[in-house]
Amino acid sequence: MRYVACVFVADDSEAGTPGGMPGVERLSVNAAIEYVRELSDTGVSDVLLFGVPADRGLDRAAAPDAVIPRFLTRAREVFGDEVTLVADIGLSPYSSDGHSVVMTAAGSPDLPASYDAAGRLAVAFAAAGAHAVAPCLSLPDQVTQVRDALGNSPVPVIPYSTKFSSAFYGPYRQTVNSPLGAVRKSYQTDHTDIGTGLAQLHDDVVAGCDTVIVKPSMLYLDVLAQACATTDAAVWAYHVSGEYLALLMAAEHGGMSPQELFDEYHDAVRRCGAEAVIGYAPQYFTRGSA
């Protein structure tokens, strides 16, 4: 099983400021390059990238001199294909309201505008050097729309296919300076509706995805196991920010070992059949423990 380490790349004014997760930093482009180098030296050669811009704006995020394109260009110069760079193309780090879709004045998702914005991010990040892009709009046609925007580009689309409306996203939102706080997004799949979550995953496979993501995962191991058992696509489990923080806090306040807690979680994901886990704790990932 592989580990996909989340990396937050920030404009200089945001770099180094406290985020929502102990041990997870907002890094400048140069610091992020060095961090990815350190990860690669330990055997972690897959990263999932999130931007923390000084100024929000979907148009700005796609500019060549925006934080993620700058990092991708530099990372490809430094690492070539030795590190797999997956660029998140969620809208939430760049939108003024913190939503992962473009909202209408009536408070509902504007599908054409949302697909257009994600497509523009995908094209910009692919042109800058991303090996893959990861849409998380929680909208039904996200894969096809992003793939169409990419045109003849061979860059794979790795969607957040089974993504539930969860209370466990708060620390991530703090890290990207989201104004949403603890608000649940109504357009995401209800956490009790497992059938819809799995149907979305299989729709994405039919749309041509070779890899799909289940998010969250620690409290959704039943969903993860069903996903792995019912598709030939590679399934990645996302150990989301609140789940990561829960294990750290449990260790700190309960006299437990964080290494042993993360080992148990990672072994559970392996048993489900996941090809990779996405998370914030590469330092606690032990390859041979399952």
C-alpha atoms as a PDB file:
ATOM      1  CA  MET A   1       0.000   0.000   0.000  1.00  0.00           C
ATOM      2  CA  ARG A   2       1.240   3.485  -0.889  1.00  0.00           C
ATOM      3  CA  TYR A   3       1.051   6.664   1.146  1.00  0.00           C
ATOM      4  CA  VAL A   4      -0.079   9.897  -0.510  1.00  0.00           C
ATOM      5  CA  ALA A   5       1.064  12.784   1.670  1.00  0.00           C
ATOM      6  CA  CYS A   6      -0.974  15.973   1.753  1.00  0.00           C
ATOM      7  CA  VAL A   7       1.105  19.119   1.229  1.00  0.00           C
ATOM      8  CA  PHE A   8      -0.192  22.664   1.730  1.00  0.00           C
ATOM      9  CA  VAL A   9       1.687  25.133  -0.466  1.00  0.00           C
ATOM     10  CA  ALA A  10       1.194  28.740   0.561  1.00  0.00           C
ATOM     11  CA  ASP A  11       1.993  32.193  -0.710  1.00  0.00           C
ATOM     12  CA  ASP A  12       4.804  33.701   1.332  1.00  0.00           C
ATOM     13  CA  SER A  13       2.513  35.799   3.519  1.00  0.00           C
ATOM     14  CA  GLU A  14       0.600  32.669   4.579  1.00  0.00           C
ATOM     15  CA  ALA A  15       3.564  30.306   4.921  1.00  0.00           C
ATOM     16  CA  GLY A  16       4.520  29.375   8.450  1.00  0.00           C
ATOM     17  CA  THR A  17       1.297  30.613  10.042  1.00  0.00           C
ATOM     18  CA  PRO A  18      -0.520  28.126  12.304  1.00  0.00           C
ATOM     19  CA  GLY A  19      -3.017  25.813  10.615  1.00  0.00           C
ATOM     20  CA  GLY A  20      -5.625  23.465  12.004  1.00  0.00           C
ATOM     21  CA  MET A  21      -3.479  20.359  12.484  1.00  0.00           C
ATOM     22  CA  PRO A  22      -0.432  19.830  14.704  1.00  0.00           C
ATOM     23  CA  GLY A  23       2.525  18.747  12.615  1.00  0.00           C
ATOM     24  CA  VAL A  24       1.023  19.984   9.349  1.00  0.00           C
ATOM     25  CA  GLU A  25       2.482  23.254   8.112  1.00  0.00           C
ATOM     26  CA  ARG A  26       1.646  25.781   5.444  1.00  0.00           C
ATOM     27  CA  LEU A  27       4.817  25.789   3.370  1.00  0.00           C
ATOM     28  CA  SER A  28       6.260  28.314   0.951  1.00  0.00           C
ATOM     29  CA  VAL A  29       7.117  26.997  -2.500  1.00  0.00           C
ATOM     30  CA  ASN A  30      10.786  26.580  -1.566  1.00  0.00           C
ATOM     31  CA  ALA A  31       9.987  24.955   1.786  1.00  0.00           C
ATOM     32  CA  ALA A  32       7.488  22.621   0.126  1.00  0.00           C
ATOM     33  CA  ILE A  33      10.157  21.507  -2.356  1.00  0.00           C
ATOM     34  CA  GLU A  34      12.450  20.614   0.531  1.00  0.00           C
ATOM     35  CA  TYR A  35       9.652  18.829   2.382  1.00  0.00           C
ATOM     36  CA  VAL A  36       8.801  16.749  -0.682  1.00  0.00           C
ATOM     37  CA  ARG A  37      12.492  15.936  -1.031  1.00  0.00           C
ATOM     38  CA  GLU A  38      12.521  14.700   2.581  1.00  0.00           C
ATOM     39  CA  LEU A  39       9.407  12.613   1.945  1.00  0.00           C
ATOM     40  CA  SER A  40      10.970  11.084  -1.142  1.00  0.00           C
ATOM     41  CA  ASP A  41      14.101  10.190   0.822  1.00  0.00           C
ATOM     42  CA  THR A  42      11.920   8.190   3.252  1.00  0.00           C
ATOM     43  CA  GLY A  43      10.152   6.363   0.420  1.00  0.00           C
ATOM     44  CA  VAL A  44       6.979   8.471   0.184  1.00  0.00           C
ATOM     45  CA  SER A  45       6.890   9.522  -3.459  1.00  0.00           C
ATOM     46  CA  ASP A  46       3.229  10.538  -3.895  1.00  0.00           C
ATOM     47  CA  VAL A  47       1.839  13.904  -2.780  1.00  0.00           C
ATOM     48  CA  LEU A  48      -1.568  15.580  -2.930  1.00  0.00           C
ATOM     49  CA  LEU A  49      -1.268  19.354  -3.248  1.00  0.00           C
ATOM     50  CA  PHE A  50      -3.488  22.084  -1.818  1.00  0.00           C
ATOM     51  CA  GLY A  51      -3.029  25.810  -2.279  1.00  0.00           C
ATOM     52  CA  VAL A  52      -3.194  28.422   0.471  1.00  0.00           C
ATOM     53  CA  PRO A  53      -3.251  31.702  -1.469  1.00  0.00           C
ATOM     54  CA  ALA A  54      -2.847  35.154   0.000  1.00  0.00           C
ATOM     55  CA  ASP A  55      -5.701  36.406  -2.178  1.00  0.00           C
ATOM     56  CA  ARG A  56      -8.671  34.200  -2.989  1.00  0.00           C
ATOM     57  CA  GLY A  57     -10.022  34.042  -6.502  1.00  0.00           C
ATOM     58  CA  LEU A  58     -10.668  31.230  -8.965  1.00  0.00           C
ATOM     59  CA  ASP A  59      -9.165  33.167 -11.868  1.00  0.00           C
ATOM     60  CA  ARG A  60      -6.096  34.023  -9.838  1.00  0.00           C
ATOM     61  CA  ALA A  61      -5.597  30.376  -8.764  1.00  0.00           C
ATOM     62  CA  ALA A  62      -5.201  29.293 -12.395  1.00  0.00           C
ATOM     63  CA  ALA A  63      -2.617  31.941 -13.286  1.00  0.00           C
ATOM     64  CA  PRO A  64       0.909  30.677 -14.097  1.00  0.00           C
ATOM     65  CA  ASP A  65       2.366  32.668 -11.194  1.00  0.00           C
ATOM     66  CA  ALA A  66      -0.215  31.434  -8.655  1.00  0.00           C
ATOM     67  CA  VAL A  67       1.042  29.305  -5.807  1.00  0.00           C
ATOM     68  CA  ILE A  68       0.216  25.795  -7.096  1.00  0.00           C
ATOM     69  CA  PRO A  69       1.376  26.360 -10.699  1.00  0.00           C
ATOM     70  CA  ARG A  70       4.611  27.869  -9.374  1.00  0.00           C
ATOM     71  CA  PHE A  71       5.197  24.887  -7.122  1.00  0.00           C
ATOM     72  CA  LEU A  72       4.371  22.354  -9.831  1.00  0.00           C
ATOM     73  CA  THR A  73       6.724  23.966 -12.332  1.00  0.00           C
ATOM     74  CA  ARG A  74       9.552  23.977  -9.811  1.00  0.00           C
ATOM     75  CA  ALA A  75       8.813  20.452  -8.557  1.00  0.00           C
ATOM     76  CA  ARG A  76       8.942  18.978 -12.049  1.00  0.00           C
ATOM     77  CA  GLU A  77      12.284  20.704 -12.603  1.00  0.00           C
ATOM     78  CA  VAL A  78      13.645  19.235  -9.369  1.00  0.00           C
ATOM     79  CA  PHE A  79      12.056  15.771  -9.249  1.00  0.00           C
ATOM     80  CA  GLY A  80      10.978  14.993 -12.788  1.00  0.00           C
ATOM     81  CA  ASP A  81       8.830  11.869 -12.534  1.00  0.00           C
ATOM     82  CA  GLU A  82      10.446  10.582  -9.336  1.00  0.00           C
ATOM     83  CA  VAL A  83       7.609  12.097  -7.288  1.00  0.00           C
ATOM     84  CA  THR A  84       3.966  11.794  -8.359  1.00  0.00           C
ATOM     85  CA  LEU A  85       2.304  15.194  -8.065  1.00  0.00           C
ATOM     86  CA  VAL A  86      -1.482  15.021  -7.681  1.00  0.00           C
ATOM     87  CA  ALA A  87      -3.086  18.463  -7.699  1.00  0.00           C
ATOM     88  CA  ASP A  88      -6.380  18.913  -5.866  1.00  0.00           C
ATOM     89  CA  ILE A  89      -8.754  20.969  -8.019  1.00  0.00           C
ATOM     90  CA  GLY A  90     -11.332  21.634  -5.360  1.00  0.00           C
ATOM     91  CA  LEU A  91     -12.567  25.202  -5.413  1.00  0.00           C
ATOM     92  CA  SER A  92     -12.744  25.718  -1.655  1.00  0.00           C
ATOM     93  CA  PRO A  93      -9.175  27.036  -1.065  1.00  0.00           C
ATOM     94  CA  TYR A  94      -9.692  29.673  -3.752  1.00  0.00           C
ATOM     95  CA  SER A  95     -13.364  30.676  -3.472  1.00  0.00           C
ATOM     96  CA  SER A  96     -14.354  33.618  -1.296  1.00  0.00           C
ATOM     97  CA  ASP A  97     -17.144  31.673   0.403  1.00  0.00           C
ATOM     98  CA  GLY A  98     -15.162  28.484   1.029  1.00  0.00           C
ATOM     99  CA  HIS A  99     -17.487  26.273  -0.987  1.00  0.00           C
ATOM    100  CA  SER A 100     -16.149  23.568  -3.291  1.00  0.00           C
ATOM    101  CA  VAL A 101     -18.662  24.615  -5.934  1.00  0.00           C
ATOM    102  CA  VAL A 102     -19.801  27.953  -7.333  1.00  0.00           C
ATOM    103  CA  MET A 103     -23.023  28.881  -5.561  1.00  0.00           C
ATOM    104  CA  THR A 104     -25.964  30.741  -7.062  1.00  0.00           C
ATOM    105  CA  ALA A 105     -27.595  33.694  -5.334  1.00  0.00           C
ATOM    106  CA  ALA A 106     -30.324  31.277  -4.248  1.00  0.00           C
ATOM    107  CA  GLY A 107     -27.783  29.120  -2.431  1.00  0.00           C
ATOM    108  CA  SER A 108     -27.616  26.123  -4.746  1.00  0.00           C
ATOM    109  CA  PRO A 109     -24.684  24.841  -6.834  1.00  0.00           C
ATOM    110  CA  ASP A 110     -24.242  26.499 -10.227  1.00  0.00           C
ATOM    111  CA  LEU A 111     -23.239  23.413 -12.197  1.00  0.00           C
ATOM    112  CA  PRO A 112     -21.937  25.034 -15.420  1.00  0.00           C
ATOM    113  CA  ALA A 113     -19.899  27.618 -13.500  1.00  0.00           C
ATOM    114  CA  SER A 114     -18.562  24.964 -11.115  1.00  0.00           C
ATOM    115  CA  TYR A 115     -17.496  22.644 -13.922  1.00  0.00           C
ATOM    116  CA  ASP A 116     -15.909  25.540 -15.794  1.00  0.00           C
ATOM    117  CA  ALA A 117     -13.890  26.646 -12.749  1.00  0.00           C
ATOM    118  CA  ALA A 118     -12.665  23.121 -11.968  1.00  0.00           C
ATOM    119  CA  GLY A 119     -11.795  22.616 -15.616  1.00  0.00           C
ATOM    120  CA  ARG A 120      -9.715  25.782 -15.706  1.00  0.00           C
ATOM    121  CA  LEU A 121      -7.815  24.705 -12.599  1.00  0.00           C
ATOM    122  CA  ALA A 122      -7.242  21.268 -14.119  1.00  0.00           C
ATOM    123  CA  VAL A 123      -5.859  22.704 -17.346  1.00  0.00           C
ATOM    124  CA  ALA A 124      -3.610  25.176 -15.515  1.00  0.00           C
ATOM    125  CA  PHE A 125      -2.239  22.612 -13.067  1.00  0.00           C
ATOM    126  CA  ALA A 126      -1.706  19.999 -15.783  1.00  0.00           C
ATOM    127  CA  ALA A 127       0.159  22.557 -17.909  1.00  0.00           C
ATOM    128  CA  ALA A 128       2.357  23.414 -14.924  1.00  0.00           C
ATOM    129  CA  GLY A 129       3.359  19.785 -14.425  1.00  0.00           C
ATOM    130  CA  ALA A 130       0.769  17.866 -12.374  1.00  0.00           C
ATOM    131  CA  HIS A 131       0.851  14.124 -12.977  1.00  0.00           C
ATOM    132  CA  ALA A 132      -2.858  13.895 -12.075  1.00  0.00           C
ATOM    133  CA  VAL A 133      -5.716  16.148 -10.968  1.00  0.00           C
ATOM    134  CA  ALA A 134      -8.270  15.409  -8.265  1.00  0.00           C
ATOM    135  CA  PRO A 135     -11.731  17.016  -8.538  1.00  0.00           C
ATOM    136  CA  CYS A 136     -13.936  17.120  -5.439  1.00  0.00           C
ATOM    137  CA  LEU A 137     -16.987  19.094  -6.524  1.00  0.00           C
ATOM    138  CA  SER A 138     -19.412  16.448  -5.235  1.00  0.00           C
ATOM    139  CA  LEU A 139     -21.328  16.957  -8.479  1.00  0.00           C
ATOM    140  CA  PRO A 140     -22.517  14.109 -10.719  1.00  0.00           C
ATOM    141  CA  ASP A 141     -20.682  14.926 -13.944  1.00  0.00           C
ATOM    142  CA  GLN A 142     -17.367  16.177 -12.535  1.00  0.00           C
ATOM    143  CA  VAL A 143     -15.166  13.537 -14.163  1.00  0.00           C
ATOM    144  CA  THR A 144     -16.548  13.930 -17.678  1.00  0.00           C
ATOM    145  CA  GLN A 145     -16.478  17.718 -17.459  1.00  0.00           C
ATOM    146  CA  VAL A 146     -12.904  17.872 -16.217  1.00  0.00           C
ATOM    147  CA  ARG A 147     -11.771  15.263 -18.737  1.00  0.00           C
ATOM    148  CA  ASP A 148     -13.381  17.301 -21.529  1.00  0.00           C
ATOM    149  CA  ALA A 149     -11.628  20.444 -20.319  1.00  0.00           C
ATOM    150  CA  LEU A 150      -8.276  18.654 -20.392  1.00  0.00           C
ATOM    151  CA  GLY A 151      -8.823  17.699 -24.022  1.00  0.00           C
ATOM    152  CA  ASN A 152      -5.957  15.614 -25.381  1.00  0.00           C
ATOM    153  CA  SER A 153      -3.923  15.864 -22.193  1.00  0.00           C
ATOM    154  CA  PRO A 154      -2.977  12.406 -20.848  1.00  0.00           C
ATOM    155  CA  VAL A 155      -3.154  13.623 -17.228  1.00  0.00           C
ATOM    156  CA  PRO A 156      -5.397  11.226 -15.253  1.00  0.00           C
ATOM    157  CA  VAL A 157      -8.428  12.391 -13.300  1.00  0.00           C
ATOM    158  CA  ILE A 158      -8.581  10.955  -9.763  1.00  0.00           C
ATOM    159  CA  PRO A 159     -11.938  12.017  -8.311  1.00  0.00           C
ATOM    160  CA  TYR A 160     -13.147  12.188  -4.752  1.00  0.00           C
ATOM    161  CA  SER A 161     -15.873   9.797  -5.809  1.00  0.00           C
ATOM    162  CA  THR A 162     -17.422   8.671  -2.545  1.00  0.00           C
ATOM    163  CA  LYS A 163     -17.238  11.896  -0.536  1.00  0.00           C
ATOM    164  CA  PHE A 164     -19.604  12.273   2.377  1.00  0.00           C
ATOM    165  CA  SER A 165     -20.825  15.395   4.115  1.00  0.00           C
ATOM    166  CA  SER A 166     -18.784  15.020   7.284  1.00  0.00           C
ATOM    167  CA  ALA A 167     -18.110  16.794  10.557  1.00  0.00           C
ATOM    168  CA  PHE A 168     -14.458  15.731  10.264  1.00  0.00           C
ATOM    169  CA  TYR A 169     -13.307  18.348   7.729  1.00  0.00           C
ATOM    170  CA  GLY A 170     -12.839  21.223  10.181  1.00  0.00           C
ATOM    171  CA  PRO A 171      -9.040  21.155  10.688  1.00  0.00           C
ATOM    172  CA  TYR A 172      -8.485  21.105   6.914  1.00  0.00           C
ATOM    173  CA  ARG A 173     -10.722  24.140   6.540  1.00  0.00           C
ATOM    174  CA  GLN A 174      -8.717  25.973   9.175  1.00  0.00           C
ATOM    175  CA  THR A 175      -5.526  25.140   7.314  1.00  0.00           C
ATOM    176  CA  VAL A 176      -6.776  26.617   4.007  1.00  0.00           C
ATOM    177  CA  ASN A 177      -8.383  29.596   5.810  1.00  0.00           C
ATOM    178  CA  SER A 178     -11.897  28.558   4.817  1.00  0.00           C
ATOM    179  CA  PRO A 179     -14.712  30.756   6.156  1.00  0.00           C
ATOM    180  CA  LEU A 180     -17.078  27.775   6.373  1.00  0.00           C
ATOM    181  CA  GLY A 181     -15.928  26.551   9.785  1.00  0.00           C
ATOM    182  CA  ALA A 182     -17.978  23.521  10.821  1.00  0.00           C
ATOM    183  CA  VAL A 183     -20.756  23.943   8.255  1.00  0.00           C
ATOM    184  CA  ARG A 184     -21.810  20.728   6.497  1.00  0.00           C
ATOM    185  CA  LYS A 185     -22.159  21.115   2.745  1.00  0.00           C
ATOM    186  CA  SER A 186     -25.670  20.176   1.672  1.00  0.00           C
ATOM    187  CA  TYR A 187     -24.613  19.186  -1.845  1.00  0.00           C
ATOM    188  CA  GLN A 188     -22.250  16.498  -0.527  1.00  0.00           C
ATOM    189  CA  THR A 189     -23.574  12.971   0.011  1.00  0.00           C
ATOM    190  CA  ASP A 190     -25.364  12.430   3.320  1.00  0.00           C
ATOM    191  CA  HIS A 191     -23.176  10.292   5.557  1.00  0.00           C
ATOM    192  CA  THR A 192     -26.045   7.827   6.063  1.00  0.00           C
ATOM    193  CA  ASP A 193     -26.576   7.300   2.325  1.00  0.00           C
ATOM    194  CA  ILE A 194     -24.025   4.620   1.537  1.00  0.00           C
ATOM    195  CA  GLY A 195     -25.803   3.505  -1.637  1.00  0.00           C
ATOM    196  CA  THR A 196     -25.474   6.891  -3.299  1.00  0.00           C
ATOM    197  CA  GLY A 197     -21.830   7.140  -2.298  1.00  0.00           C
ATOM    198  CA  LEU A 198     -20.999   3.804  -3.888  1.00  0.00           C
ATOM    199  CA  ALA A 199     -23.074   4.600  -6.973  1.00  0.00           C
ATOM    200  CA  GLN A 200     -21.066   7.796  -7.487  1.00  0.00           C
ATOM    201  CA  LEU A 201     -17.854   5.793  -7.329  1.00  0.00           C
ATOM    202  CA  HIS A 202     -19.019   3.299  -9.926  1.00  0.00           C
ATOM    203  CA  ASP A 203     -20.238   6.127 -12.172  1.00  0.00           C
ATOM    204  CA  ASP A 204     -16.738   7.614 -12.073  1.00  0.00           C
ATOM    205  CA  VAL A 205     -15.223   4.264 -13.052  1.00  0.00           C
ATOM    206  CA  VAL A 206     -17.621   4.026 -15.986  1.00  0.00           C
ATOM    207  CA  ALA A 207     -16.535   7.558 -16.935  1.00  0.00           C
ATOM    208  CA  GLY A 208     -12.991   6.249 -17.316  1.00  0.00           C
ATOM    209  CA  CYS A 209     -11.280   6.662 -13.947  1.00  0.00           C
ATOM    210  CA  ASP A 210      -8.630   4.109 -13.057  1.00  0.00           C
ATOM    211  CA  THR A 211      -8.339   5.443  -9.504  1.00  0.00           C
ATOM    212  CA  VAL A 212     -11.077   6.694  -7.150  1.00  0.00           C
ATOM    213  CA  ILE A 213     -11.156   8.075  -3.611  1.00  0.00           C
ATOM    214  CA  VAL A 214     -13.320   7.267  -0.573  1.00  0.00           C
ATOM    215  CA  LYS A 215     -13.509  10.185   1.874  1.00  0.00           C
ATOM    216  CA  PRO A 216     -13.582  10.054   4.920  1.00  0.00           C
ATOM    217  CA  SER A 217     -12.300   6.555   5.643  1.00  0.00           C
ATOM    218  CA  MET A 218     -11.651   5.829   9.321  1.00  0.00           C
ATOM    219  CA  LEU A 219     -15.352   5.757  10.196  1.00  0.00           C
ATOM    220  CA  TYR A 220     -16.287   4.469   6.725  1.00  0.00           C
ATOM    221  CA  LEU A 221     -14.295   1.239   6.546  1.00  0.00           C
ATOM    222  CA  ASP A 222     -17.474  -0.634   5.574  1.00  0.00           C
ATOM    223  CA  VAL A 223     -17.846   1.660   2.559  1.00  0.00           C
ATOM    224  CA  LEU A 224     -14.169   1.350   1.714  1.00  0.00           C
ATOM    225  CA  ALA A 225     -14.340  -2.449   1.813  1.00  0.00           C
ATOM    226  CA  GLN A 226     -17.419  -2.507  -0.424  1.00  0.00           C
ATOM    227  CA  ALA A 227     -15.766  -0.105  -2.854  1.00  0.00           C
ATOM    228  CA  CYS A 228     -12.634  -2.246  -3.076  1.00  0.00           C
ATOM    229  CA  ALA A 229     -14.669  -5.434  -3.511  1.00  0.00           C
ATOM    230  CA  THR A 230     -16.958  -4.151  -6.244  1.00  0.00           C
ATOM    231  CA  THR A 231     -14.631  -2.287  -8.625  1.00  0.00           C
ATOM    232  CA  ASP A 232     -11.486  -3.115 -10.556  1.00  0.00           C
ATOM    233  CA  ALA A 233     -10.268   0.471 -10.190  1.00  0.00           C
ATOM    234  CA  ALA A 234      -7.623   1.355  -7.616  1.00  0.00           C
ATOM    235  CA  VAL A 235      -9.286   2.733  -4.479  1.00  0.00           C
ATOM    236  CA  TRP A 236      -7.563   5.326  -2.303  1.00  0.00           C
ATOM    237  CA  ALA A 237      -8.709   5.943   1.280  1.00  0.00           C
ATOM    238  CA  TYR A 238      -8.583   9.526   2.538  1.00  0.00           C
ATOM    239  CA  HIS A 239      -7.758   9.784   6.256  1.00  0.00           C
ATOM    240  CA  VAL A 240      -9.260  13.236   6.620  1.00  0.00           C
ATOM    241  CA  SER A 241      -8.087  16.041   8.882  1.00  0.00           C
ATOM    242  CA  GLY A 242     -10.506  15.447  11.756  1.00  0.00           C
ATOM    243  CA  GLU A 243      -9.742  11.731  11.774  1.00  0.00           C
ATOM    244  CA  TYR A 244      -6.012  12.471  11.836  1.00  0.00           C
ATOM    245  CA  LEU A 245      -6.467  14.951  14.679  1.00  0.00           C
ATOM    246  CA  ALA A 246      -8.678  12.497  16.606  1.00  0.00           C
ATOM    247  CA  LEU A 247      -5.881   9.916  16.695  1.00  0.00           C
ATOM    248  CA  LEU A 248      -3.297  12.499  17.764  1.00  0.00           C
ATOM    249  CA  MET A 249      -5.536  13.836  20.536  1.00  0.00           C
ATOM    250  CA  ALA A 250      -6.400  10.322  21.689  1.00  0.00           C
ATOM    251  CA  ALA A 251      -2.708   9.503  21.988  1.00  0.00           C
ATOM    252  CA  GLU A 252      -1.936  12.736  23.813  1.00  0.00           C
ATOM    253  CA  HIS A 253      -4.752  12.500  26.351  1.00  0.00           C
ATOM    254  CA  GLY A 254      -5.173   8.751  26.686  1.00  0.00           C
ATOM    255  CA  GLY A 255      -1.664   7.545  27.326  1.00  0.00           C
ATOM    256  CA  MET A 256      -1.472   5.746  23.987  1.00  0.00           C
ATOM    257  CA  SER A 257       1.175   5.511  21.300  1.00  0.00           C
ATOM    258  CA  PRO A 258       0.408   7.542  18.145  1.00  0.00           C
ATOM    259  CA  GLN A 259       2.505   5.103  16.115  1.00  0.00           C
ATOM    260  CA  GLU A 260       0.415   2.154  17.306  1.00  0.00           C
ATOM    261  CA  LEU A 261      -2.850   4.002  16.665  1.00  0.00           C
ATOM    262  CA  PHE A 262      -1.850   4.918  13.113  1.00  0.00           C
ATOM    263  CA  ASP A 263      -0.565   1.380  12.535  1.00  0.00           C
ATOM    264  CA  GLU A 264      -3.997   0.007  13.428  1.00  0.00           C
ATOM    265  CA  TYR A 265      -5.736   2.434  11.108  1.00  0.00           C
ATOM    266  CA  HIS A 266      -3.377   1.761   8.211  1.00  0.00           C
ATOM    267  CA  ASP A 267      -3.701  -1.993   8.694  1.00  0.00           C
ATOM    268  CA  ALA A 268      -7.493  -1.674   8.634  1.00  0.00           C
ATOM    269  CA  VAL A 269      -7.276   0.171   5.322  1.00  0.00           C
ATOM    270  CA  ARG A 270      -5.001  -2.538   3.939  1.00  0.00           C
ATOM    271  CA  ARG A 271      -7.482  -5.227   4.974  1.00  0.00           C
ATOM    272  CA  CYS A 272     -10.197  -3.406   3.065  1.00  0.00           C
ATOM    273  CA  GLY A 273      -8.087  -3.656  -0.080  1.00  0.00           C
ATOM    274  CA  ALA A 274      -7.155  -0.013  -0.673  1.00  0.00           C
ATOM    275  CA  GLU A 275      -4.166   0.646  -2.905  1.00  0.00           C
ATOM    276  CA  ALA A 276      -3.199   3.839  -1.095  1.00  0.00           C
ATOM    277  CA  VAL A 277      -4.048   6.021   1.860  1.00  0.00           C
ATOM    278  CA  ILE A 278      -4.094   9.810   1.607  1.00  0.00           C
ATOM    279  CA  GLY A 279      -3.270  11.585   4.809  1.00  0.00           C
ATOM    280  CA  TYR A 280      -1.306  13.961   6.999  1.00  0.00           C
ATOM    281  CA  ALA A 281       0.886  11.462   8.853  1.00  0.00           C
ATOM    282  CA  PRO A 282       3.538  10.021   6.536  1.00  0.00           C
ATOM    283  CA  GLN A 283       5.854   9.843   9.551  1.00  0.00           C
ATOM    284  CA  TYR A 284       3.571   7.170  11.036  1.00  0.00           C
ATOM    285  CA  PHE A 285       3.251   5.069   7.897  1.00  0.00           C
ATOM    286  CA  THR A 286       4.875   1.633   8.187  1.00  0.00           C
ATOM    287  CA  ARG A 287       4.796  -0.331   4.968  1.00  0.00           C
ATOM    288  CA  GLY A 288       5.296  -3.849   6.272  1.00  0.00           C
ATOM    289  CA  SER A 289       2.951  -3.866   9.270  1.00  0.00           C
ATOM    290  CA  ALA A 290      -0.056  -5.553   7.675  1.00  0.00           C
END
